[in-house]
PDBML (XML) file of the C-alpha atoms, coordinates in Angstrom:
<?xml version="1.0" encoding="UTF-8" ?>
<PDBx:datablock datablockName="MODEL"
   xmlns:PDBx="http://pdbml.pdb.org/schema/pdbx-v50.xsd"
   xmlns:xsi="http://www.w3.org/2001/XMLSchema-instance"
   xsi:schemaLocation="http://pdbml.pdb.org/schema/pdbx-v50.xsd pdbx-v50.xsd">
   <PDBx:atom_siteCategory>
      <PDBx:atom_site id="1">
         <PDBx:B_iso_or_equiv>0.00</PDBx:B_iso_or_equiv>
         <PDBx:Cartn_x>-68.994</PDBx:Cartn_x>
         <PDBx:Cartn_y>-110.702</PDBx:Cartn_y>
         <PDBx:Cartn_z>-82.466</PDBx:Cartn_z>
         <PDBx:auth_asym_id>A</PDBx:auth_asym_id>
         <PDBx:auth_atom_id>CA</PDBx:auth_atom_id>
         <PDBx:auth_comp_id>LYS</PDBx:auth_comp_id>
         <PDBx:auth_seq_id>1</PDBx:auth_seq_id>
         <PDBx:group_PDB>ATOM</PDBx:group_PDB>
         <PDBx:label_alt_id xsi:nil="true" />
         <PDBx:label_asym_id>A</PDBx:label_asym_id>
         <PDBx:label_atom_id>CA</PDBx:label_atom_id>
         <PDBx:label_comp_id>LYS</PDBx:label_comp_id>
         <PDBx:label_entity_id>1</PDBx:label_entity_id>
         <PDBx:label_seq_id>1</PDBx:label_seq_id>
         <PDBx:occupancy>1.00</PDBx:occupancy>
         <PDBx:pdbx_PDB_model_num>1</PDBx:pdbx_PDB_model_num>
         <PDBx:type_symbol>C</PDBx:type_symbol>
      </PDBx:atom_site>
      <PDBx:atom_site id="2">
         <PDBx:B_iso_or_equiv>0.00</PDBx:B_iso_or_equiv>
         <PDBx:Cartn_x>-66.773</PDBx:Cartn_x>
         <PDBx:Cartn_y>-108.108</PDBx:Cartn_y>
         <PDBx:Cartn_z>-80.735</PDBx:Cartn_z>
         <PDBx:auth_asym_id>A</PDBx:auth_asym_id>
         <PDBx:auth_atom_id>CA</PDBx:auth_atom_id>
         <PDBx:auth_comp_id>ALA</PDBx:auth_comp_id>
         <PDBx:auth_seq_id>2</PDBx:auth_seq_id>
         <PDBx:group_PDB>ATOM</PDBx:group_PDB>
         <PDBx:label_alt_id xsi:nil="true" />
         <PDBx:label_asym_id>A</PDBx:label_asym_id>
         <PDBx:label_atom_id>CA</PDBx:label_atom_id>
         <PDBx:label_comp_id>ALA</PDBx:label_comp_id>
         <PDBx:label_entity_id>1</PDBx:label_entity_id>
         <PDBx:label_seq_id>2</PDBx:label_seq_id>
         <PDBx:occupancy>1.00</PDBx:occupancy>
         <PDBx:pdbx_PDB_model_num>1</PDBx:pdbx_PDB_model_num>
         <PDBx:type_symbol>C</PDBx:type_symbol>
      </PDBx:atom_site>
      <PDBx:atom_site id="3">
         <PDBx:B_iso_or_equiv>0.00</PDBx:B_iso_or_equiv>
         <PDBx:Cartn_x>-65.567</PDBx:Cartn_x>
         <PDBx:Cartn_y>-106.849</PDBx:Cartn_y>
         <PDBx:Cartn_z>-84.123</PDBx:Cartn_z>
         <PDBx:auth_asym_id>A</PDBx:auth_asym_id>
         <PDBx:auth_atom_id>CA</PDBx:auth_atom_id>
         <PDBx:auth_comp_id>LEU</PDBx:auth_comp_id>
         <PDBx:auth_seq_id>3</PDBx:auth_seq_id>
         <PDBx:group_PDB>ATOM</PDBx:group_PDB>
         <PDBx:label_alt_id xsi:nil="true" />
         <PDBx:label_asym_id>A</PDBx:label_asym_id>
         <PDBx:label_atom_id>CA</PDBx:label_atom_id>
         <PDBx:label_comp_id>LEU</PDBx:label_comp_id>
         <PDBx:label_entity_id>1</PDBx:label_entity_id>
         <PDBx:label_seq_id>3</PDBx:label_seq_id>
         <PDBx:occupancy>1.00</PDBx:occupancy>
         <PDBx:pdbx_PDB_model_num>1</PDBx:pdbx_PDB_model_num>
         <PDBx:type_symbol>C</PDBx:type_symbol>
      </PDBx:atom_site>
      <PDBx:atom_site id="4">
         <PDBx:B_iso_or_equiv>0.00</PDBx:B_iso_or_equiv>
         <PDBx:Cartn_x>-69.181</PDBx:Cartn_x>
         <PDBx:Cartn_y>-106.753</PDBx:Cartn_y>
         <PDBx:Cartn_z>-85.316</PDBx:Cartn_z>
         <PDBx:auth_asym_id>A</PDBx:auth_asym_id>
         <PDBx:auth_atom_id>CA</PDBx:auth_atom_id>
         <PDBx:auth_comp_id>GLU</PDBx:auth_comp_id>
         <PDBx:auth_seq_id>4</PDBx:auth_seq_id>
         <PDBx:group_PDB>ATOM</PDBx:group_PDB>
         <PDBx:label_alt_id xsi:nil="true" />
         <PDBx:label_asym_id>A</PDBx:label_asym_id>
         <PDBx:label_atom_id>CA</PDBx:label_atom_id>
         <PDBx:label_comp_id>GLU</PDBx:label_comp_id>
         <PDBx:label_entity_id>1</PDBx:label_entity_id>
         <PDBx:label_seq_id>4</PDBx:label_seq_id>
         <PDBx:occupancy>1.00</PDBx:occupancy>
         <PDBx:pdbx_PDB_model_num>1</PDBx:pdbx_PDB_model_num>
         <PDBx:type_symbol>C</PDBx:type_symbol>
      </PDBx:atom_site>
      <PDBx:atom_site id="5">
         <PDBx:B_iso_or_equiv>0.00</PDBx:B_iso_or_equiv>
         <PDBx:Cartn_x>-70.490</PDBx:Cartn_x>
         <PDBx:Cartn_y>-104.829</PDBx:Cartn_y>
         <PDBx:Cartn_z>-82.286</PDBx:Cartn_z>
         <PDBx:auth_asym_id>A</PDBx:auth_asym_id>
         <PDBx:auth_atom_id>CA</PDBx:auth_atom_id>
         <PDBx:auth_comp_id>VAL</PDBx:auth_comp_id>
         <PDBx:auth_seq_id>5</PDBx:auth_seq_id>
         <PDBx:group_PDB>ATOM</PDBx:group_PDB>
         <PDBx:label_alt_id xsi:nil="true" />
         <PDBx:label_asym_id>A</PDBx:label_asym_id>
         <PDBx:label_atom_id>CA</PDBx:label_atom_id>
         <PDBx:label_comp_id>VAL</PDBx:label_comp_id>
         <PDBx:label_entity_id>1</PDBx:label_entity_id>
         <PDBx:label_seq_id>5</PDBx:label_seq_id>
         <PDBx:occupancy>1.00</PDBx:occupancy>
         <PDBx:pdbx_PDB_model_num>1</PDBx:pdbx_PDB_model_num>
         <PDBx:type_symbol>C</PDBx:type_symbol>
      </PDBx:atom_site>
      <PDBx:atom_site id="6">
         <PDBx:B_iso_or_equiv>0.00</PDBx:B_iso_or_equiv>
         <PDBx:Cartn_x>-67.661</PDBx:Cartn_x>
         <PDBx:Cartn_y>-102.282</PDBx:Cartn_y>
         <PDBx:Cartn_z>-81.939</PDBx:Cartn_z>
         <PDBx:auth_asym_id>A</PDBx:auth_asym_id>
         <PDBx:auth_atom_id>CA</PDBx:auth_atom_id>
         <PDBx:auth_comp_id>ILE</PDBx:auth_comp_id>
         <PDBx:auth_seq_id>6</PDBx:auth_seq_id>
         <PDBx:group_PDB>ATOM</PDBx:group_PDB>
         <PDBx:label_alt_id xsi:nil="true" />
         <PDBx:label_asym_id>A</PDBx:label_asym_id>
         <PDBx:label_atom_id>CA</PDBx:label_atom_id>
         <PDBx:label_comp_id>ILE</PDBx:label_comp_id>
         <PDBx:label_entity_id>1</PDBx:label_entity_id>
         <PDBx:label_seq_id>6</PDBx:label_seq_id>
         <PDBx:occupancy>1.00</PDBx:occupancy>
         <PDBx:pdbx_PDB_model_num>1</PDBx:pdbx_PDB_model_num>
         <PDBx:type_symbol>C</PDBx:type_symbol>
      </PDBx:atom_site>
      <PDBx:atom_site id="7">
         <PDBx:B_iso_or_equiv>0.00</PDBx:B_iso_or_equiv>
         <PDBx:Cartn_x>-67.284</PDBx:Cartn_x>
         <PDBx:Cartn_y>-99.779</PDBx:Cartn_y>
         <PDBx:Cartn_z>-84.820</PDBx:Cartn_z>
         <PDBx:auth_asym_id>A</PDBx:auth_asym_id>
         <PDBx:auth_atom_id>CA</PDBx:auth_atom_id>
         <PDBx:auth_comp_id>PRO</PDBx:auth_comp_id>
         <PDBx:auth_seq_id>7</PDBx:auth_seq_id>
         <PDBx:group_PDB>ATOM</PDBx:group_PDB>
         <PDBx:label_alt_id xsi:nil="true" />
         <PDBx:label_asym_id>A</PDBx:label_asym_id>
         <PDBx:label_atom_id>CA</PDBx:label_atom_id>
         <PDBx:label_comp_id>PRO</PDBx:label_comp_id>
         <PDBx:label_entity_id>1</PDBx:label_entity_id>
         <PDBx:label_seq_id>7</PDBx:label_seq_id>
         <PDBx:occupancy>1.00</PDBx:occupancy>
         <PDBx:pdbx_PDB_model_num>1</PDBx:pdbx_PDB_model_num>
         <PDBx:type_symbol>C</PDBx:type_symbol>
      </PDBx:atom_site>
      <PDBx:atom_site id="8">
         <PDBx:B_iso_or_equiv>0.00</PDBx:B_iso_or_equiv>
         <PDBx:Cartn_x>-63.697</PDBx:Cartn_x>
         <PDBx:Cartn_y>-99.375</PDBx:Cartn_y>
         <PDBx:Cartn_z>-85.887</PDBx:Cartn_z>
         <PDBx:auth_asym_id>A</PDBx:auth_asym_id>
         <PDBx:auth_atom_id>CA</PDBx:auth_atom_id>
         <PDBx:auth_comp_id>GLY</PDBx:auth_comp_id>
         <PDBx:auth_seq_id>8</PDBx:auth_seq_id>
         <PDBx:group_PDB>ATOM</PDBx:group_PDB>
         <PDBx:label_alt_id xsi:nil="true" />
         <PDBx:label_asym_id>A</PDBx:label_asym_id>
         <PDBx:label_atom_id>CA</PDBx:label_atom_id>
         <PDBx:label_comp_id>GLY</PDBx:label_comp_id>
         <PDBx:label_entity_id>1</PDBx:label_entity_id>
         <PDBx:label_seq_id>8</PDBx:label_seq_id>
         <PDBx:occupancy>1.00</PDBx:occupancy>
         <PDBx:pdbx_PDB_model_num>1</PDBx:pdbx_PDB_model_num>
         <PDBx:type_symbol>C</PDBx:type_symbol>
      </PDBx:atom_site>
      <PDBx:atom_site id="9">
         <PDBx:B_iso_or_equiv>0.00</PDBx:B_iso_or_equiv>
         <PDBx:Cartn_x>-62.509</PDBx:Cartn_x>
         <PDBx:Cartn_y>-102.664</PDBx:Cartn_y>
         <PDBx:Cartn_z>-84.379</PDBx:Cartn_z>
         <PDBx:auth_asym_id>A</PDBx:auth_asym_id>
         <PDBx:auth_atom_id>CA</PDBx:auth_atom_id>
         <PDBx:auth_comp_id>ALA</PDBx:auth_comp_id>
         <PDBx:auth_seq_id>9</PDBx:auth_seq_id>
         <PDBx:group_PDB>ATOM</PDBx:group_PDB>
         <PDBx:label_alt_id xsi:nil="true" />
         <PDBx:label_asym_id>A</PDBx:label_asym_id>
         <PDBx:label_atom_id>CA</PDBx:label_atom_id>
         <PDBx:label_comp_id>ALA</PDBx:label_comp_id>
         <PDBx:label_entity_id>1</PDBx:label_entity_id>
         <PDBx:label_seq_id>9</PDBx:label_seq_id>
         <PDBx:occupancy>1.00</PDBx:occupancy>
         <PDBx:pdbx_PDB_model_num>1</PDBx:pdbx_PDB_model_num>
         <PDBx:type_symbol>C</PDBx:type_symbol>
      </PDBx:atom_site>
      <PDBx:atom_site id="10">
         <PDBx:B_iso_or_equiv>0.00</PDBx:B_iso_or_equiv>
         <PDBx:Cartn_x>-60.404</PDBx:Cartn_x>
         <PDBx:Cartn_y>-104.134</PDBx:Cartn_y>
         <PDBx:Cartn_z>-87.180</PDBx:Cartn_z>
         <PDBx:auth_asym_id>A</PDBx:auth_asym_id>
         <PDBx:auth_atom_id>CA</PDBx:auth_atom_id>
         <PDBx:auth_comp_id>GLU</PDBx:auth_comp_id>
         <PDBx:auth_seq_id>10</PDBx:auth_seq_id>
         <PDBx:group_PDB>ATOM</PDBx:group_PDB>
         <PDBx:label_alt_id xsi:nil="true" />
         <PDBx:label_asym_id>A</PDBx:label_asym_id>
         <PDBx:label_atom_id>CA</PDBx:label_atom_id>
         <PDBx:label_comp_id>GLU</PDBx:label_comp_id>
         <PDBx:label_entity_id>1</PDBx:label_entity_id>
         <PDBx:label_seq_id>10</PDBx:label_seq_id>
         <PDBx:occupancy>1.00</PDBx:occupancy>
         <PDBx:pdbx_PDB_model_num>1</PDBx:pdbx_PDB_model_num>
         <PDBx:type_symbol>C</PDBx:type_symbol>
      </PDBx:atom_site>
      <PDBx:atom_site id="11">
         <PDBx:B_iso_or_equiv>0.00</PDBx:B_iso_or_equiv>
         <PDBx:Cartn_x>-58.520</PDBx:Cartn_x>
         <PDBx:Cartn_y>-106.940</PDBx:Cartn_y>
         <PDBx:Cartn_z>-85.440</PDBx:Cartn_z>
         <PDBx:auth_asym_id>A</PDBx:auth_asym_id>
         <PDBx:auth_atom_id>CA</PDBx:auth_atom_id>
         <PDBx:auth_comp_id>LYS</PDBx:auth_comp_id>
         <PDBx:auth_seq_id>11</PDBx:auth_seq_id>
         <PDBx:group_PDB>ATOM</PDBx:group_PDB>
         <PDBx:label_alt_id xsi:nil="true" />
         <PDBx:label_asym_id>A</PDBx:label_asym_id>
         <PDBx:label_atom_id>CA</PDBx:label_atom_id>
         <PDBx:label_comp_id>LYS</PDBx:label_comp_id>
         <PDBx:label_entity_id>1</PDBx:label_entity_id>
         <PDBx:label_seq_id>11</PDBx:label_seq_id>
         <PDBx:occupancy>1.00</PDBx:occupancy>
         <PDBx:pdbx_PDB_model_num>1</PDBx:pdbx_PDB_model_num>
         <PDBx:type_symbol>C</PDBx:type_symbol>
      </PDBx:atom_site>
      <PDBx:atom_site id="12">
         <PDBx:B_iso_or_equiv>0.00</PDBx:B_iso_or_equiv>
         <PDBx:Cartn_x>-58.251</PDBx:Cartn_x>
         <PDBx:Cartn_y>-108.637</PDBx:Cartn_y>
         <PDBx:Cartn_z>-82.097</PDBx:Cartn_z>
         <PDBx:auth_asym_id>A</PDBx:auth_asym_id>
         <PDBx:auth_atom_id>CA</PDBx:auth_atom_id>
         <PDBx:auth_comp_id>GLY</PDBx:auth_comp_id>
         <PDBx:auth_seq_id>12</PDBx:auth_seq_id>
         <PDBx:group_PDB>ATOM</PDBx:group_PDB>
         <PDBx:label_alt_id xsi:nil="true" />
         <PDBx:label_asym_id>A</PDBx:label_asym_id>
         <PDBx:label_atom_id>CA</PDBx:label_atom_id>
         <PDBx:label_comp_id>GLY</PDBx:label_comp_id>
         <PDBx:label_entity_id>1</PDBx:label_entity_id>
         <PDBx:label_seq_id>12</PDBx:label_seq_id>
         <PDBx:occupancy>1.00</PDBx:occupancy>
         <PDBx:pdbx_PDB_model_num>1</PDBx:pdbx_PDB_model_num>
         <PDBx:type_symbol>C</PDBx:type_symbol>
      </PDBx:atom_site>
      <PDBx:atom_site id="13">
         <PDBx:B_iso_or_equiv>0.00</PDBx:B_iso_or_equiv>
         <PDBx:Cartn_x>-57.202</PDBx:Cartn_x>
         <PDBx:Cartn_y>-111.540</PDBx:Cartn_y>
         <PDBx:Cartn_z>-79.909</PDBx:Cartn_z>
         <PDBx:auth_asym_id>A</PDBx:auth_asym_id>
         <PDBx:auth_atom_id>CA</PDBx:auth_atom_id>
         <PDBx:auth_comp_id>VAL</PDBx:auth_comp_id>
         <PDBx:auth_seq_id>13</PDBx:auth_seq_id>
         <PDBx:group_PDB>ATOM</PDBx:group_PDB>
         <PDBx:label_alt_id xsi:nil="true" />
         <PDBx:label_asym_id>A</PDBx:label_asym_id>
         <PDBx:label_atom_id>CA</PDBx:label_atom_id>
         <PDBx:label_comp_id>VAL</PDBx:label_comp_id>
         <PDBx:label_entity_id>1</PDBx:label_entity_id>
         <PDBx:label_seq_id>13</PDBx:label_seq_id>
         <PDBx:occupancy>1.00</PDBx:occupancy>
         <PDBx:pdbx_PDB_model_num>1</PDBx:pdbx_PDB_model_num>
         <PDBx:type_symbol>C</PDBx:type_symbol>
      </PDBx:atom_site>
      <PDBx:atom_site id="14">
         <PDBx:B_iso_or_equiv>0.00</PDBx:B_iso_or_equiv>
         <PDBx:Cartn_x>-58.872</PDBx:Cartn_x>
         <PDBx:Cartn_y>-113.788</PDBx:Cartn_y>
         <PDBx:Cartn_z>-77.366</PDBx:Cartn_z>
         <PDBx:auth_asym_id>A</PDBx:auth_asym_id>
         <PDBx:auth_atom_id>CA</PDBx:auth_atom_id>
         <PDBx:auth_comp_id>PHE</PDBx:auth_comp_id>
         <PDBx:auth_seq_id>14</PDBx:auth_seq_id>
         <PDBx:group_PDB>ATOM</PDBx:group_PDB>
         <PDBx:label_alt_id xsi:nil="true" />
         <PDBx:label_asym_id>A</PDBx:label_asym_id>
         <PDBx:label_atom_id>CA</PDBx:label_atom_id>
         <PDBx:label_comp_id>PHE</PDBx:label_comp_id>
         <PDBx:label_entity_id>1</PDBx:label_entity_id>
         <PDBx:label_seq_id>14</PDBx:label_seq_id>
         <PDBx:occupancy>1.00</PDBx:occupancy>
         <PDBx:pdbx_PDB_model_num>1</PDBx:pdbx_PDB_model_num>
         <PDBx:type_symbol>C</PDBx:type_symbol>
      </PDBx:atom_site>
      <PDBx:atom_site id="15">
         <PDBx:B_iso_or_equiv>0.00</PDBx:B_iso_or_equiv>
         <PDBx:Cartn_x>-56.786</PDBx:Cartn_x>
         <PDBx:Cartn_y>-115.467</PDBx:Cartn_y>
         <PDBx:Cartn_z>-74.675</PDBx:Cartn_z>
         <PDBx:auth_asym_id>A</PDBx:auth_asym_id>
         <PDBx:auth_atom_id>CA</PDBx:auth_atom_id>
         <PDBx:auth_comp_id>LEU</PDBx:auth_comp_id>
         <PDBx:auth_seq_id>15</PDBx:auth_seq_id>
         <PDBx:group_PDB>ATOM</PDBx:group_PDB>
         <PDBx:label_alt_id xsi:nil="true" />
         <PDBx:label_asym_id>A</PDBx:label_asym_id>
         <PDBx:label_atom_id>CA</PDBx:label_atom_id>
         <PDBx:label_comp_id>LEU</PDBx:label_comp_id>
         <PDBx:label_entity_id>1</PDBx:label_entity_id>
         <PDBx:label_seq_id>15</PDBx:label_seq_id>
         <PDBx:occupancy>1.00</PDBx:occupancy>
         <PDBx:pdbx_PDB_model_num>1</PDBx:pdbx_PDB_model_num>
         <PDBx:type_symbol>C</PDBx:type_symbol>
      </PDBx:atom_site>
      <PDBx:atom_site id="16">
         <PDBx:B_iso_or_equiv>0.00</PDBx:B_iso_or_equiv>
         <PDBx:Cartn_x>-58.058</PDBx:Cartn_x>
         <PDBx:Cartn_y>-117.770</PDBx:Cartn_y>
         <PDBx:Cartn_z>-71.954</PDBx:Cartn_z>
         <PDBx:auth_asym_id>A</PDBx:auth_asym_id>
         <PDBx:auth_atom_id>CA</PDBx:auth_atom_id>
         <PDBx:auth_comp_id>SER</PDBx:auth_comp_id>
         <PDBx:auth_seq_id>16</PDBx:auth_seq_id>
         <PDBx:group_PDB>ATOM</PDBx:group_PDB>
         <PDBx:label_alt_id xsi:nil="true" />
         <PDBx:label_asym_id>A</PDBx:label_asym_id>
         <PDBx:label_atom_id>CA</PDBx:label_atom_id>
         <PDBx:label_comp_id>SER</PDBx:label_comp_id>
         <PDBx:label_entity_id>1</PDBx:label_entity_id>
         <PDBx:label_seq_id>16</PDBx:label_seq_id>
         <PDBx:occupancy>1.00</PDBx:occupancy>
         <PDBx:pdbx_PDB_model_num>1</PDBx:pdbx_PDB_model_num>
         <PDBx:type_symbol>C</PDBx:type_symbol>
      </PDBx:atom_site>
      <PDBx:atom_site id="17">
         <PDBx:B_iso_or_equiv>0.00</PDBx:B_iso_or_equiv>
         <PDBx:Cartn_x>-56.419</PDBx:Cartn_x>
         <PDBx:Cartn_y>-119.452</PDBx:Cartn_y>
         <PDBx:Cartn_z>-68.997</PDBx:Cartn_z>
         <PDBx:auth_asym_id>A</PDBx:auth_asym_id>
         <PDBx:auth_atom_id>CA</PDBx:auth_atom_id>
         <PDBx:auth_comp_id>PHE</PDBx:auth_comp_id>
         <PDBx:auth_seq_id>17</PDBx:auth_seq_id>
         <PDBx:group_PDB>ATOM</PDBx:group_PDB>
         <PDBx:label_alt_id xsi:nil="true" />
         <PDBx:label_asym_id>A</PDBx:label_asym_id>
         <PDBx:label_atom_id>CA</PDBx:label_atom_id>
         <PDBx:label_comp_id>PHE</PDBx:label_comp_id>
         <PDBx:label_entity_id>1</PDBx:label_entity_id>
         <PDBx:label_seq_id>17</PDBx:label_seq_id>
         <PDBx:occupancy>1.00</PDBx:occupancy>
         <PDBx:pdbx_PDB_model_num>1</PDBx:pdbx_PDB_model_num>
         <PDBx:type_symbol>C</PDBx:type_symbol>
      </PDBx:atom_site>
      <PDBx:atom_site id="18">
         <PDBx:B_iso_or_equiv>0.00</PDBx:B_iso_or_equiv>
         <PDBx:Cartn_x>-54.882</PDBx:Cartn_x>
         <PDBx:Cartn_y>-122.849</PDBx:Cartn_y>
         <PDBx:Cartn_z>-69.715</PDBx:Cartn_z>
         <PDBx:auth_asym_id>A</PDBx:auth_asym_id>
         <PDBx:auth_atom_id>CA</PDBx:auth_atom_id>
         <PDBx:auth_comp_id>ASP</PDBx:auth_comp_id>
         <PDBx:auth_seq_id>18</PDBx:auth_seq_id>
         <PDBx:group_PDB>ATOM</PDBx:group_PDB>
         <PDBx:label_alt_id xsi:nil="true" />
         <PDBx:label_asym_id>A</PDBx:label_asym_id>
         <PDBx:label_atom_id>CA</PDBx:label_atom_id>
         <PDBx:label_comp_id>ASP</PDBx:label_comp_id>
         <PDBx:label_entity_id>1</PDBx:label_entity_id>
         <PDBx:label_seq_id>18</PDBx:label_seq_id>
         <PDBx:occupancy>1.00</PDBx:occupancy>
         <PDBx:pdbx_PDB_model_num>1</PDBx:pdbx_PDB_model_num>
         <PDBx:type_symbol>C</PDBx:type_symbol>
      </PDBx:atom_site>
      <PDBx:atom_site id="19">
         <PDBx:B_iso_or_equiv>0.00</PDBx:B_iso_or_equiv>
         <PDBx:Cartn_x>-54.839</PDBx:Cartn_x>
         <PDBx:Cartn_y>-124.833</PDBx:Cartn_y>
         <PDBx:Cartn_z>-66.441</PDBx:Cartn_z>
         <PDBx:auth_asym_id>A</PDBx:auth_asym_id>
         <PDBx:auth_atom_id>CA</PDBx:auth_atom_id>
         <PDBx:auth_comp_id>PRO</PDBx:auth_comp_id>
         <PDBx:auth_seq_id>19</PDBx:auth_seq_id>
         <PDBx:group_PDB>ATOM</PDBx:group_PDB>
         <PDBx:label_alt_id xsi:nil="true" />
         <PDBx:label_asym_id>A</PDBx:label_asym_id>
         <PDBx:label_atom_id>CA</PDBx:label_atom_id>
         <PDBx:label_comp_id>PRO</PDBx:label_comp_id>
         <PDBx:label_entity_id>1</PDBx:label_entity_id>
         <PDBx:label_seq_id>19</PDBx:label_seq_id>
         <PDBx:occupancy>1.00</PDBx:occupancy>
         <PDBx:pdbx_PDB_model_num>1</PDBx:pdbx_PDB_model_num>
         <PDBx:type_symbol>C</PDBx:type_symbol>
      </PDBx:atom_site>
      <PDBx:atom_site id="20">
         <PDBx:B_iso_or_equiv>0.00</PDBx:B_iso_or_equiv>
         <PDBx:Cartn_x>-52.318</PDBx:Cartn_x>
         <PDBx:Cartn_y>-127.359</PDBx:Cartn_y>
         <PDBx:Cartn_z>-67.798</PDBx:Cartn_z>
         <PDBx:auth_asym_id>A</PDBx:auth_asym_id>
         <PDBx:auth_atom_id>CA</PDBx:auth_atom_id>
         <PDBx:auth_comp_id>GLU</PDBx:auth_comp_id>
         <PDBx:auth_seq_id>20</PDBx:auth_seq_id>
         <PDBx:group_PDB>ATOM</PDBx:group_PDB>
         <PDBx:label_alt_id xsi:nil="true" />
         <PDBx:label_asym_id>A</PDBx:label_asym_id>
         <PDBx:label_atom_id>CA</PDBx:label_atom_id>
         <PDBx:label_comp_id>GLU</PDBx:label_comp_id>
         <PDBx:label_entity_id>1</PDBx:label_entity_id>
         <PDBx:label_seq_id>20</PDBx:label_seq_id>
         <PDBx:occupancy>1.00</PDBx:occupancy>
         <PDBx:pdbx_PDB_model_num>1</PDBx:pdbx_PDB_model_num>
         <PDBx:type_symbol>C</PDBx:type_symbol>
      </PDBx:atom_site>
      <PDBx:atom_site id="21">
         <PDBx:B_iso_or_equiv>0.00</PDBx:B_iso_or_equiv>
         <PDBx:Cartn_x>-49.669</PDBx:Cartn_x>
         <PDBx:Cartn_y>-124.678</PDBx:Cartn_y>
         <PDBx:Cartn_z>-68.376</PDBx:Cartn_z>
         <PDBx:auth_asym_id>A</PDBx:auth_asym_id>
         <PDBx:auth_atom_id>CA</PDBx:auth_atom_id>
         <PDBx:auth_comp_id>ASN</PDBx:auth_comp_id>
         <PDBx:auth_seq_id>21</PDBx:auth_seq_id>
         <PDBx:group_PDB>ATOM</PDBx:group_PDB>
         <PDBx:label_alt_id xsi:nil="true" />
         <PDBx:label_asym_id>A</PDBx:label_asym_id>
         <PDBx:label_atom_id>CA</PDBx:label_atom_id>
         <PDBx:label_comp_id>ASN</PDBx:label_comp_id>
         <PDBx:label_entity_id>1</PDBx:label_entity_id>
         <PDBx:label_seq_id>21</PDBx:label_seq_id>
         <PDBx:occupancy>1.00</PDBx:occupancy>
         <PDBx:pdbx_PDB_model_num>1</PDBx:pdbx_PDB_model_num>
         <PDBx:type_symbol>C</PDBx:type_symbol>
      </PDBx:atom_site>
      <PDBx:atom_site id="22">
         <PDBx:B_iso_or_equiv>0.00</PDBx:B_iso_or_equiv>
         <PDBx:Cartn_x>-50.886</PDBx:Cartn_x>
         <PDBx:Cartn_y>-122.243</PDBx:Cartn_y>
         <PDBx:Cartn_z>-65.684</PDBx:Cartn_z>
         <PDBx:auth_asym_id>A</PDBx:auth_asym_id>
         <PDBx:auth_atom_id>CA</PDBx:auth_atom_id>
         <PDBx:auth_comp_id>ASP</PDBx:auth_comp_id>
         <PDBx:auth_seq_id>22</PDBx:auth_seq_id>
         <PDBx:group_PDB>ATOM</PDBx:group_PDB>
         <PDBx:label_alt_id xsi:nil="true" />
         <PDBx:label_asym_id>A</PDBx:label_asym_id>
         <PDBx:label_atom_id>CA</PDBx:label_atom_id>
         <PDBx:label_comp_id>ASP</PDBx:label_comp_id>
         <PDBx:label_entity_id>1</PDBx:label_entity_id>
         <PDBx:label_seq_id>22</PDBx:label_seq_id>
         <PDBx:occupancy>1.00</PDBx:occupancy>
         <PDBx:pdbx_PDB_model_num>1</PDBx:pdbx_PDB_model_num>
         <PDBx:type_symbol>C</PDBx:type_symbol>
      </PDBx:atom_site>
      <PDBx:atom_site id="23">
         <PDBx:B_iso_or_equiv>0.00</PDBx:B_iso_or_equiv>
         <PDBx:Cartn_x>-50.807</PDBx:Cartn_x>
         <PDBx:Cartn_y>-119.404</PDBx:Cartn_y>
         <PDBx:Cartn_z>-68.222</PDBx:Cartn_z>
         <PDBx:auth_asym_id>A</PDBx:auth_asym_id>
         <PDBx:auth_atom_id>CA</PDBx:auth_atom_id>
         <PDBx:auth_comp_id>ALA</PDBx:auth_comp_id>
         <PDBx:auth_seq_id>23</PDBx:auth_seq_id>
         <PDBx:group_PDB>ATOM</PDBx:group_PDB>
         <PDBx:label_alt_id xsi:nil="true" />
         <PDBx:label_asym_id>A</PDBx:label_asym_id>
         <PDBx:label_atom_id>CA</PDBx:label_atom_id>
         <PDBx:label_comp_id>ALA</PDBx:label_comp_id>
         <PDBx:label_entity_id>1</PDBx:label_entity_id>
         <PDBx:label_seq_id>23</PDBx:label_seq_id>
         <PDBx:occupancy>1.00</PDBx:occupancy>
         <PDBx:pdbx_PDB_model_num>1</PDBx:pdbx_PDB_model_num>
         <PDBx:type_symbol>C</PDBx:type_symbol>
      </PDBx:atom_site>
      <PDBx:atom_site id="24">
         <PDBx:B_iso_or_equiv>0.00</PDBx:B_iso_or_equiv>
         <PDBx:Cartn_x>-52.928</PDBx:Cartn_x>
         <PDBx:Cartn_y>-117.498</PDBx:Cartn_y>
         <PDBx:Cartn_z>-70.718</PDBx:Cartn_z>
         <PDBx:auth_asym_id>A</PDBx:auth_asym_id>
         <PDBx:auth_atom_id>CA</PDBx:auth_atom_id>
         <PDBx:auth_comp_id>LEU</PDBx:auth_comp_id>
         <PDBx:auth_seq_id>24</PDBx:auth_seq_id>
         <PDBx:group_PDB>ATOM</PDBx:group_PDB>
         <PDBx:label_alt_id xsi:nil="true" />
         <PDBx:label_asym_id>A</PDBx:label_asym_id>
         <PDBx:label_atom_id>CA</PDBx:label_atom_id>
         <PDBx:label_comp_id>LEU</PDBx:label_comp_id>
         <PDBx:label_entity_id>1</PDBx:label_entity_id>
         <PDBx:label_seq_id>24</PDBx:label_seq_id>
         <PDBx:occupancy>1.00</PDBx:occupancy>
         <PDBx:pdbx_PDB_model_num>1</PDBx:pdbx_PDB_model_num>
         <PDBx:type_symbol>C</PDBx:type_symbol>
      </PDBx:atom_site>
   </PDBx:atom_siteCategory>
</PDBx:datablock>
């Protein structure tokens, strides 16, 4: 959806917090 909404956005990443490893 981010690539659909933002003109020119060609690629991307999504990171979320992993509580088991205490890291993104």
